[in-house]
Protein backbone atom coordinates (compact mmCIF):
# COMPACT_ATOMS: atom_id res chain seq x y z
CA MET A 1 188.82 -118.65 -72.31
CA SER A 2 185.76 -120.77 -73.70
CA THR A 3 182.65 -119.79 -75.09
CA SER A 4 180.95 -122.26 -72.45
CA GLU A 5 182.45 -120.83 -69.91
CA VAL A 6 181.29 -117.14 -71.47
CA VAL A 7 177.69 -118.07 -71.52
CA ALA A 8 178.18 -119.81 -68.18
CA GLY A 9 179.48 -116.75 -66.47
CA THR A 10 176.78 -114.99 -68.49
CA ARG A 11 174.15 -116.93 -67.03
CA ALA A 12 175.34 -116.69 -63.51
CA LEU A 13 175.43 -112.73 -63.86
CA ALA A 14 171.83 -112.51 -65.10
CA ALA A 15 170.87 -114.88 -62.52
CA ARG A 16 172.62 -112.31 -59.82
CA ALA A 17 171.50 -108.82 -61.60
CA SER A 18 168.00 -110.31 -61.63
CA ASP A 19 168.41 -110.25 -57.48
CA GLY A 20 166.73 -114.08 -57.68
CA LEU A 21 163.71 -112.91 -59.51
CA SER A 22 161.89 -115.47 -61.83
CA ALA A 23 159.81 -114.74 -64.77
CA THR A 24 156.59 -114.53 -63.85
CA ARG A 25 155.31 -112.67 -66.74
CA THR A 26 155.01 -112.43 -70.48
CA ALA A 27 155.76 -108.86 -72.28
CA PRO A 28 152.93 -107.87 -74.00
CA THR A 29 152.82 -107.24 -77.58
CA PRO A 30 150.54 -106.02 -80.08
CA SER A 31 147.84 -107.83 -81.56
CA TRP A 32 148.04 -106.59 -84.67
CA GLY A 33 150.18 -107.84 -87.92
CA PRO A 34 150.02 -111.15 -90.24
CA PRO A 35 151.41 -114.82 -88.63
CA PHE A 36 154.79 -114.97 -88.97
CA PHE A 37 155.81 -111.31 -89.90
CA GLY A 38 154.16 -109.87 -87.15
CA GLN A 39 154.89 -106.58 -86.66
CA VAL A 40 157.47 -106.03 -89.07
CA PHE A 41 156.07 -104.37 -92.16
CA GLY A 42 154.31 -101.77 -89.71
CA ALA A 43 157.84 -101.06 -88.40
CA TRP A 44 159.26 -100.51 -91.97
CA ARG A 45 156.40 -98.02 -92.77
CA ASP A 46 157.00 -96.16 -90.04
CA PRO A 47 159.75 -97.32 -87.13
CA ILE A 48 159.09 -94.14 -84.60
CA GLY A 49 154.95 -94.18 -84.57
CA THR A 50 155.80 -98.11 -83.94
CA MET A 51 158.23 -97.41 -81.14
CA MET A 52 155.81 -94.53 -80.03
CA SER A 53 152.33 -96.90 -79.78
CA GLY A 54 154.21 -99.19 -78.43
CA MET A 55 155.28 -98.11 -75.45
CA LEU A 56 151.96 -96.39 -74.53
CA ASP A 57 149.75 -99.15 -75.50
CA HIS A 58 151.54 -102.16 -74.13
CA GLY A 59 154.00 -100.99 -71.15
CA ASP A 60 157.78 -100.67 -69.85
CA VAL A 61 158.28 -103.90 -71.29
CA MET A 62 157.13 -104.95 -74.59
CA PHE A 63 157.27 -107.88 -77.17
CA PHE A 64 157.51 -107.17 -81.11
CA ARG A 65 157.81 -110.17 -83.50
CA PHE A 66 160.01 -109.11 -86.69
CA GLY A 67 159.75 -112.39 -88.51
CA PRO A 68 162.00 -114.70 -87.29
CA PHE A 69 163.53 -112.63 -84.48
CA LYS A 70 162.64 -111.78 -81.31
CA TYR A 71 162.68 -107.95 -80.43
CA PHE A 72 161.75 -106.47 -77.29
CA VAL A 73 161.29 -102.64 -76.55
CA LEU A 74 162.04 -101.25 -72.86
CA SER A 75 160.90 -97.70 -72.10
CA ASP A 76 161.73 -98.02 -68.26
CA PRO A 77 165.14 -96.73 -66.35
CA ALA A 78 165.38 -99.42 -64.28
CA ALA A 79 165.10 -102.08 -67.18
CA ILE A 80 167.11 -100.02 -69.41
CA LYS A 81 169.59 -99.93 -66.11
CA HIS A 82 169.62 -103.38 -65.88
CA VAL A 83 170.74 -103.88 -69.85
CA LEU A 84 173.24 -101.31 -70.21
CA THR A 85 175.10 -101.47 -66.56
CA ASP A 86 173.88 -104.05 -64.14
CA ASN A 87 174.39 -106.96 -66.25
CA ALA A 88 175.88 -104.90 -69.37
CA LYS A 89 178.09 -108.18 -69.69
CA ASN A 90 175.09 -110.46 -70.89
CA TYR A 91 174.56 -107.64 -73.99
CA VAL A 92 176.54 -107.00 -77.02
CA LYS A 93 175.47 -105.13 -80.10
CA SER A 94 172.75 -106.26 -82.11
CA ARG A 95 172.68 -108.57 -85.19
CA ASN A 96 171.43 -105.37 -86.84
CA TYR A 97 174.70 -103.70 -86.51
CA GLN A 98 176.50 -105.92 -89.22
CA GLY A 99 175.36 -102.71 -92.08
CA LEU A 100 177.27 -99.92 -89.59
CA ARG A 101 180.22 -102.61 -89.70
CA ILE A 102 180.69 -102.95 -93.07
CA LEU A 103 180.69 -99.06 -93.65
CA PHE A 104 182.67 -98.33 -90.21
CA GLY A 105 184.32 -100.90 -89.16
CA GLN A 106 185.79 -102.29 -86.09
CA GLY A 107 185.64 -98.95 -84.26
CA LEU A 108 184.34 -97.34 -81.03
CA LEU A 109 180.66 -97.66 -82.32
CA THR A 110 180.71 -101.28 -83.55
CA SER A 111 183.49 -103.06 -81.69
CA GLU A 112 182.94 -105.62 -78.70
CA GLY A 113 184.63 -107.12 -75.97
CA ASP A 114 189.04 -106.85 -75.29
CA PHE A 115 189.40 -104.89 -78.80
CA TRP A 116 186.55 -101.86 -77.77
CA LYS A 117 188.31 -102.04 -74.53
CA ARG A 118 192.00 -101.24 -75.90
CA GLN A 119 190.45 -98.73 -78.82
CA ARG A 120 188.72 -96.51 -75.87
CA ARG A 121 191.53 -96.65 -73.81
CA LEU A 122 193.74 -95.38 -76.86
CA ALA A 123 191.46 -92.70 -77.81
CA GLN A 124 190.20 -91.70 -74.20
CA PRO A 125 193.19 -89.04 -74.05
CA ALA A 126 192.14 -87.17 -77.25
CA PHE A 127 188.94 -86.08 -75.48
CA HIS A 128 190.16 -85.24 -71.72
CA ARG A 129 188.99 -81.93 -70.93
CA GLU A 130 192.46 -79.99 -71.75
CA ARG A 131 192.40 -80.49 -75.37
CA LEU A 132 189.12 -79.44 -75.54
CA ALA A 133 190.11 -76.13 -75.31
CA GLY A 134 192.42 -75.96 -77.93
CA LEU A 135 189.51 -77.32 -79.99
CA ALA A 136 187.22 -75.23 -78.57
CA ARG A 137 189.11 -72.19 -80.65
CA SER A 138 189.05 -74.19 -84.02
CA MET A 139 184.79 -74.48 -83.64
CA ALA A 140 184.79 -70.88 -83.41
CA SER A 141 186.99 -70.22 -85.67
CA GLU A 142 185.28 -72.28 -88.53
CA THR A 143 181.88 -70.62 -86.95
CA ARG A 144 183.38 -67.25 -87.66
CA ARG A 145 184.20 -68.19 -91.20
CA MET A 146 180.51 -69.31 -92.01
CA LEU A 147 178.80 -66.42 -90.31
CA ASP A 148 181.34 -63.90 -92.37
CA ARG A 149 180.56 -66.10 -95.32
CA TRP A 150 177.01 -65.39 -94.47
CA ARG A 151 177.04 -62.20 -94.42
CA ALA A 152 179.39 -61.65 -97.24
CA GLU A 153 177.03 -63.67 -99.69
CA GLY A 154 174.00 -61.76 -98.26
CA THR A 155 172.37 -65.21 -97.75
CA GLU A 156 168.50 -64.56 -96.94
CA ARG A 157 167.39 -68.32 -97.75
CA ALA A 158 168.93 -70.94 -96.80
CA CYS A 159 168.27 -75.10 -95.38
CA ALA A 160 169.65 -74.18 -91.17
CA HIS A 161 170.38 -78.56 -92.07
CA ALA A 162 172.47 -78.11 -94.85
CA GLU A 163 174.44 -75.00 -92.98
CA MET A 164 175.14 -76.93 -90.45
CA MET A 165 175.80 -80.13 -91.97
CA ARG A 166 178.49 -78.06 -93.65
CA LEU A 167 180.00 -76.07 -90.93
CA THR A 168 180.22 -79.44 -88.60
CA PHE A 169 182.37 -81.45 -91.43
CA ALA A 170 184.63 -78.16 -91.48
CA ILE A 171 184.88 -78.52 -87.39
CA VAL A 172 185.89 -82.02 -88.14
CA GLY A 173 188.28 -81.41 -90.52
CA ARG A 174 190.42 -78.75 -88.78
CA THR A 175 189.92 -80.93 -85.35
CA LEU A 176 190.54 -84.45 -86.29
CA PHE A 177 192.93 -83.45 -89.60
CA SER A 178 194.08 -79.70 -89.04
CA THR A 179 193.02 -79.63 -92.65
CA ASP A 180 190.22 -77.21 -94.65
CA VAL A 181 188.22 -80.39 -96.01
CA ASP A 182 185.14 -77.38 -97.29
CA GLY A 183 186.12 -78.58 -100.72
CA ASP A 184 184.80 -82.23 -99.42
CA SER A 185 181.57 -81.50 -97.72
CA SER A 186 179.37 -81.90 -100.33
CA ALA A 187 180.54 -85.24 -101.48
CA ILE A 188 181.20 -86.81 -97.76
CA GLY A 189 177.75 -85.30 -97.11
CA GLU A 190 175.99 -86.94 -99.63
CA ALA A 191 178.20 -90.22 -99.16
CA LEU A 192 177.28 -90.35 -95.54
CA THR A 193 173.42 -90.16 -96.77
CA VAL A 194 174.19 -93.16 -98.93
CA GLY A 195 175.79 -95.19 -96.48
CA LEU A 196 173.61 -94.39 -93.51
CA HIS A 197 170.36 -95.21 -95.50
CA TRP A 198 171.87 -98.60 -96.61
CA THR A 199 173.34 -100.10 -92.99
CA ASN A 200 169.48 -99.16 -92.18
CA ASP A 201 168.00 -100.79 -94.83
CA TYR A 202 170.68 -104.04 -94.56
CA ALA A 203 169.33 -103.67 -90.95
CA GLU A 204 166.16 -104.08 -91.48
CA SER A 205 166.01 -106.55 -94.27
CA LEU A 206 164.48 -110.46 -93.20
CA VAL A 207 167.12 -111.96 -95.97
CA ARG A 208 170.03 -109.57 -96.58
CA ILE A 209 172.02 -109.45 -99.66
CA PRO A 210 175.47 -109.19 -99.27
CA PRO A 211 177.05 -106.26 -100.28
CA TRP A 212 179.32 -107.67 -102.95
CA VAL A 213 176.31 -108.46 -105.33
CA PRO A 214 176.00 -105.57 -107.83
CA THR A 215 172.31 -104.96 -106.99
CA PRO A 216 172.09 -100.70 -107.77
CA ALA A 217 172.07 -100.10 -103.68
CA ASN A 218 175.19 -102.61 -103.24
CA LEU A 219 176.52 -100.38 -106.20
CA GLU A 220 175.73 -96.81 -104.99
CA PHE A 221 177.00 -97.74 -101.28
CA ARG A 222 180.25 -99.13 -102.84
CA ARG A 223 180.57 -95.63 -104.76
CA ALA A 224 179.68 -94.13 -101.45
CA GLN A 225 182.21 -96.01 -99.44
CA LYS A 226 184.93 -95.32 -102.08
CA THR A 227 184.09 -91.79 -101.09
CA LEU A 228 184.79 -91.77 -97.40
CA ASP A 229 187.56 -94.23 -98.14
CA ASP A 230 189.30 -91.93 -100.56
CA LEU A 231 189.34 -89.04 -97.75
CA VAL A 232 190.49 -91.07 -94.82
CA TYR A 233 193.24 -92.87 -96.27
CA ARG A 234 194.49 -89.79 -98.51
CA ILE A 235 194.70 -87.87 -95.34
CA ILE A 236 196.59 -90.78 -93.17
CA ALA A 237 199.07 -91.09 -95.80
CA GLU A 238 199.75 -87.19 -96.23
CA ARG A 239 200.28 -87.53 -92.51
CA LYS A 240 202.82 -90.12 -92.24
CA ARG A 241 204.60 -88.76 -95.81
CA SER A 242 205.06 -85.26 -93.42
CA GLY A 243 206.42 -87.12 -91.00
CA GLU A 244 205.20 -84.99 -88.35
CA LEU A 245 202.18 -86.71 -86.71
CA GLY A 246 200.51 -83.26 -84.93
CA ASP A 247 198.59 -82.13 -81.98
CA ASP A 248 195.14 -82.62 -83.54
CA LEU A 249 193.08 -85.97 -82.78
CA LEU A 250 194.42 -88.32 -85.75
CA GLY A 251 197.94 -87.03 -84.60
CA MET A 252 196.60 -88.63 -80.74
CA LEU A 253 195.42 -91.66 -82.19
CA MET A 254 198.20 -92.48 -84.78
CA ALA A 255 200.58 -91.57 -81.55
CA ALA A 256 198.56 -93.62 -78.79
CA THR A 257 200.26 -96.99 -77.89
CA ASP A 258 198.40 -99.80 -75.88
CA GLU A 259 199.55 -101.26 -72.45
CA THR A 260 203.02 -102.51 -73.38
CA GLY A 261 204.10 -99.52 -75.13
CA ASN A 262 204.56 -100.87 -78.79
CA GLU A 263 201.29 -101.57 -80.67
CA ARG A 264 199.87 -98.70 -82.69
CA MET A 265 197.09 -98.49 -84.43
CA ASP A 266 197.48 -99.68 -88.01
CA ASP A 267 195.57 -97.66 -91.30
CA LYS A 268 192.92 -99.99 -91.28
CA GLN A 269 192.05 -99.34 -87.14
CA LEU A 270 193.01 -95.54 -87.78
CA ARG A 271 190.54 -95.06 -90.53
CA ASP A 272 187.72 -97.07 -88.72
CA GLU A 273 187.58 -94.76 -85.67
CA VAL A 274 188.64 -92.04 -87.96
CA LEU A 275 185.36 -92.52 -89.63
CA THR A 276 183.34 -93.18 -86.40
CA LEU A 277 184.37 -89.67 -85.22
CA VAL A 278 183.47 -88.15 -88.74
CA LEU A 279 179.73 -89.91 -88.08
CA ALA A 280 179.64 -88.43 -84.47
CA GLY A 281 181.37 -85.18 -84.69
CA HIS A 282 179.95 -84.32 -88.14
CA GLU A 283 176.32 -86.12 -88.51
CA THR A 284 174.69 -86.02 -84.88
CA THR A 285 175.89 -82.84 -84.32
CA ALA A 286 174.51 -80.82 -87.36
CA ASN A 287 171.08 -82.71 -87.05
CA LEU A 288 170.96 -81.46 -83.03
CA LEU A 289 171.33 -78.11 -84.65
CA ALA A 290 169.21 -78.09 -87.23
CA PHE A 291 166.32 -79.37 -85.13
CA THR A 292 167.35 -76.58 -82.29
CA PHE A 293 166.92 -73.88 -84.85
CA HIS A 294 163.35 -75.37 -85.88
CA MET A 295 162.78 -75.09 -82.16
CA LEU A 296 163.29 -71.74 -81.73
CA SER A 297 161.76 -70.51 -84.72
CA LEU A 298 158.45 -72.06 -83.34
CA HIS A 299 159.65 -70.24 -79.85
CA PRO A 300 161.04 -66.85 -80.16
CA GLU A 301 160.60 -66.66 -76.26
CA TRP A 302 163.68 -68.47 -76.13
CA ASP A 303 165.45 -67.82 -79.26
CA ARG A 304 165.89 -64.08 -77.59
CA ARG A 305 166.89 -65.55 -74.56
CA VAL A 306 169.89 -67.84 -76.37
CA ALA A 307 170.76 -64.42 -77.91
CA GLU A 308 170.99 -62.09 -74.70
CA GLU A 309 173.04 -64.43 -72.96
CA ALA A 310 175.22 -64.87 -75.72
CA ARG A 311 175.46 -60.74 -75.44
CA ALA A 312 176.18 -60.97 -72.03
CA VAL A 313 178.46 -63.70 -71.77
CA LEU A 314 180.93 -62.76 -74.85
CA GLY A 315 180.16 -59.62 -75.44
CA ASP A 316 181.65 -59.33 -79.24
CA ARG A 317 184.74 -61.40 -78.68
CA GLU A 318 184.96 -65.51 -79.78
CA PRO A 319 183.48 -68.30 -77.07
CA THR A 320 186.37 -69.87 -74.93
CA PHE A 321 186.37 -73.03 -73.53
CA GLU A 322 186.37 -71.38 -70.34
CA ASP A 323 183.01 -69.72 -71.49
CA MET A 324 181.18 -73.02 -71.62
CA PRO A 325 179.54 -73.39 -68.04
CA LYS A 326 178.20 -69.82 -68.37
CA LEU A 327 176.05 -70.39 -71.07
CA LYS A 328 173.25 -71.91 -69.35
CA ILE A 329 170.15 -70.96 -71.46
CA ALA A 330 171.71 -72.09 -74.55
CA ARG A 331 172.50 -76.11 -72.63
CA LEU A 332 169.11 -75.83 -71.71
CA VAL A 333 167.67 -75.92 -75.11
CA LEU A 334 170.19 -77.98 -76.48
CA GLU A 335 169.20 -80.76 -73.77
CA GLU A 336 165.83 -79.90 -74.22
CA THR A 337 165.99 -80.38 -78.02
CA MET A 338 167.87 -83.52 -77.60
CA ARG A 339 165.11 -84.83 -75.63
CA LEU A 340 162.70 -84.66 -78.44
CA TYR A 341 164.72 -85.22 -81.56
CA PRO A 342 168.15 -87.50 -79.84
CA PRO A 343 170.50 -87.42 -83.00
CA VAL A 344 170.63 -91.02 -82.12
CA TRP A 345 166.84 -92.49 -81.90
CA THR A 346 167.32 -96.05 -81.40
CA PHE A 347 169.74 -98.12 -80.67
CA GLU A 348 170.13 -101.84 -79.50
CA ARG A 349 171.22 -104.99 -77.70
CA GLN A 350 171.48 -108.83 -78.01
CA ALA A 351 171.35 -111.52 -75.14
CA LEU A 352 174.22 -113.38 -74.56
CA ALA A 353 172.18 -115.79 -72.52
CA ASP A 354 168.48 -115.84 -70.96
CA ASP A 355 167.82 -112.89 -68.70
CA VAL A 356 164.78 -111.21 -66.42
CA VAL A 357 163.85 -107.93 -66.87
CA LEU A 358 161.53 -106.12 -64.30
CA GLY A 359 159.90 -109.90 -64.08
CA TYR A 360 159.83 -110.46 -67.58
CA ALA A 361 161.44 -113.20 -69.57
CA LEU A 362 163.67 -112.57 -72.14
CA PRO A 363 165.51 -115.37 -73.94
CA LYS A 364 168.91 -115.83 -75.34
CA ASP A 365 169.24 -114.19 -78.74
CA ALA A 366 167.15 -111.83 -77.96
CA ILE A 367 166.86 -108.21 -79.75
CA VAL A 368 166.55 -105.48 -76.72
CA GLY A 369 165.56 -102.29 -78.52
CA ILE A 370 165.88 -99.04 -76.44
CA SER A 371 164.75 -95.98 -78.20
CA PRO A 372 165.67 -92.47 -76.61
CA TYR A 373 163.04 -90.86 -79.00
CA ALA A 374 160.54 -92.92 -77.33
CA LEU A 375 161.65 -92.84 -73.83
CA HIS A 376 161.89 -89.13 -73.88
CA ARG A 377 158.33 -88.90 -74.52
CA ASN A 378 157.09 -91.13 -72.15
CA PRO A 379 154.28 -89.47 -70.02
CA LYS A 380 155.16 -92.14 -66.60
CA LEU A 381 158.36 -89.79 -66.86
CA TRP A 382 157.77 -86.83 -68.34
CA ASP A 383 155.27 -83.86 -67.75
CA ASN A 384 153.77 -82.62 -71.07
CA PRO A 385 156.35 -84.76 -72.27
CA GLU A 386 155.40 -83.70 -76.02
CA GLY A 387 156.03 -79.46 -75.42
CA PHE A 388 159.01 -77.68 -75.60
CA ASP A 389 160.27 -76.66 -71.90
CA PRO A 390 163.91 -76.32 -71.48
CA GLU A 391 163.76 -75.10 -67.94
CA ARG A 392 162.52 -79.09 -66.80
CA PHE A 393 166.66 -79.32 -67.12
CA LEU A 394 167.18 -76.91 -64.47
CA PRO A 395 168.58 -78.81 -61.43
CA GLU A 396 165.56 -78.03 -59.35
CA ARG A 397 163.70 -79.45 -61.81
CA SER A 398 165.40 -82.42 -62.55
CA GLU A 399 166.60 -83.70 -59.12
CA GLY A 400 165.42 -87.41 -58.42
CA ARG A 401 165.33 -88.07 -62.35
CA SER A 402 166.96 -91.23 -63.26
CA LYS A 403 169.93 -90.71 -65.68
CA TYR A 404 168.42 -93.61 -67.45
CA ALA A 405 165.22 -91.64 -68.41
CA TYR A 406 167.27 -89.46 -70.48
CA LEU A 407 169.77 -91.14 -72.93
CA PRO A 408 171.10 -88.54 -75.84
CA PHE A 409 174.35 -89.89 -75.60
CA GLY A 410 173.31 -93.47 -74.63
CA GLY A 411 174.53 -94.81 -71.29
CA GLY A 412 176.38 -97.68 -69.49
CA PRO A 413 179.66 -98.23 -69.79
CA ARG A 414 179.49 -97.32 -73.57
CA THR A 415 178.62 -94.26 -73.28
CA CYS A 416 179.08 -92.00 -75.82
CA ILE A 417 183.05 -90.90 -75.81
CA GLY A 418 182.56 -87.48 -77.43
CA ASN A 419 179.75 -86.16 -75.70
CA ASN A 420 181.59 -83.16 -74.36
CA PHE A 421 183.12 -82.72 -77.70
CA ALA A 422 180.03 -82.64 -79.00
CA MET A 423 178.09 -80.56 -76.49
CA THR A 424 181.23 -77.78 -76.89
CA GLU A 425 180.61 -77.97 -80.15
CA ALA A 426 176.56 -77.34 -80.31
CA LEU A 427 177.20 -74.72 -77.58
CA ILE A 428 179.70 -72.49 -79.44
CA ILE A 429 177.90 -72.69 -82.73
CA LEU A 430 174.56 -72.06 -80.84
CA SER A 431 175.51 -68.88 -79.26
CA MET A 432 177.66 -67.81 -82.15
CA VAL A 433 174.61 -67.63 -84.78
CA ALA A 434 172.12 -66.81 -82.36
CA ARG A 435 174.32 -63.70 -80.91
CA GLU A 436 174.33 -62.38 -84.59
CA HIS A 437 171.64 -63.77 -86.43
CA ARG A 438 167.74 -64.77 -86.41
CA LEU A 439 166.86 -67.97 -88.25
CA THR A 440 163.54 -67.78 -88.98
CA ARG A 441 161.24 -70.77 -90.53
CA ALA A 442 160.19 -70.02 -93.88
CA PRO A 443 156.84 -69.96 -94.40
CA GLY A 444 154.99 -73.43 -95.89
CA HIS A 445 158.02 -75.30 -94.10
CA ARG A 446 157.18 -78.76 -92.68
CA LEU A 447 159.21 -80.54 -90.67
CA VAL A 448 159.38 -84.55 -91.84
CA LEU A 449 161.51 -86.62 -89.89
CA ASP A 450 164.00 -89.56 -91.71
CA PRO A 451 164.44 -92.34 -88.41
CA ALA A 452 167.56 -94.12 -89.86
CA VAL A 453 170.45 -94.43 -88.20
CA THR A 454 170.41 -90.74 -87.24
CA LEU A 455 167.32 -88.96 -87.11
CA ARG A 456 167.55 -86.30 -89.54
CA PRO A 457 165.12 -83.62 -90.92
CA LYS A 458 164.27 -85.41 -94.18
CA GLU A 459 163.05 -82.70 -96.39
CA GLY A 460 165.88 -80.22 -94.62
CA ILE A 461 165.25 -77.48 -92.36
CA ALA A 462 163.95 -74.41 -94.85
CA VAL A 463 165.02 -70.83 -92.74
CA THR A 464 165.20 -67.31 -93.43
CA ILE A 465 168.11 -65.95 -91.89
CA GLY A 466 168.31 -62.16 -91.05
CA PRO A 467 170.66 -60.03 -88.35
CA ARG A 468 169.52 -60.21 -84.94
CA ALA A 469 168.32 -56.62 -84.28
């Protein structure tokens, strides 16, 4: 199919998806900002504040000018559904994903079109329900190792974020590689931090310096990229030398074939998918758990309820996959924490052709931003949006709520493939830790957010770790 046919098709889809509406309104825009540059400097200084103020001051569809780029932010579930699902063929990942493509290659996070569909089909069996039962045992085993280490070391003061990064990387090692990677956790964590900040800076740059230019930032990024590549390619090579594919996630990816039954992923494709899974199964889950322990330290009544549930459901044994539906309070706490601190705090699409959303014109090539952080705090959608209220996710209170009002794992066809993996991992870790320990915020510690590609606690989460009474 030619490019002109694709564009013509997306124009037709756009016309049908907008129910024949013509653009009757121009999206409101902030008045502040210098000519040409618009709001770009404010977004650089405070990206979360810019998104929040834009939503609160200008409504469901608003327009930012970032230099030569037209940037629309959607905060209405119907508008988001239109872009992510109803007219998804008119939208691709935006130009701002180019930095992520440089770091992670053509994995599920960044690829498009038929190639993405192929990779999704190949990876999907690795996340089926029956696979999660076996993976849950590895998650519980690695969590037990951490708790045993805490006892052996007499750990009292710690950084909850650093501890969760170390644990979730160990779990990725076991579930993805069947390998103990604890010795690599520090180097990988530092490399991911460098890589994600570089990709974020690259996305925000009006003039992008190619990564091969030897600037200090580029040289640091290339060292980080080499650290990640060396680990992944080493494990792939060791697996091939062994002659056994194994029954972990890497083995399933190596064994998966396309619809012809002949073609498998090459080493580069394996590398791209493995690094994407490391980010999704390690970085984002660690962030979620760190924010969860922070919130529980501020809300001791919920901390107590999570612990009591874990003891009632698990007793003294380790959790299994069959226990997950019974950990209802822990799930409510995790869902509410993801509402307030979604690990992926914003994501984007770019229009292939002109479109109309809620009567507003979205021109071809416009970048469409969807910020779960702002969406989840929209007072039109949530009562007491800044408050911590896990019971808002009880069935009787969430009935009738649009699923596009809550997007911790994205939405539409590109909903995160590992969402059940991540929730299983988080439930197991939270219940096991809460059953035996209480993490209390260290005196004077202040939560500072780091909104890069993922949402992190910039200065960690300083806690004291004490045995549960």
